[in-house]
Amino acid sequence: MITHPAPKRSLAPISWLLFGAGGMLAALFGPALIVLTGIMLPHGWGLPARLGDFAHVPGFARNPIGKLVVLVVIALFLWHGAERLVSDAERHARRQRSAVAPGAMAWRRC
């Protein structure tokens, strides 16, 4: 009887899941966060004045649900950005055979 060894499992599906989730968050909520925190809150347009108060922002970040939201949003944004940078470096390294190639290829093998 012939037995075949079990195929080696990869972490690629988890990496792509986090990359996709970070991209979706960046596309859907990134512009809204920029408009709200960068334009509307400082100028007081359409939002209550006390919403951007120093007392309210740390209050949200100290709440356990607020901590989770901030952690997830920042982590997925950073994961998406890092994966994008590595993918681009890998693509350019293949084309140009530069000194970046070993580092980009090593990141992919993890």
Foldseek 3Di string as FASTA:
>chain_A
DDDDDDDDDDCVVVLVVLLVVLVVCCVPPVVVCCCVVPPCQVVVPPDDVCCPPPVNPVVLCVDPVSVVVVVSNVVSPVSNVVVVVLVVLCVVCVVPVDPCNVVSVVVVVD
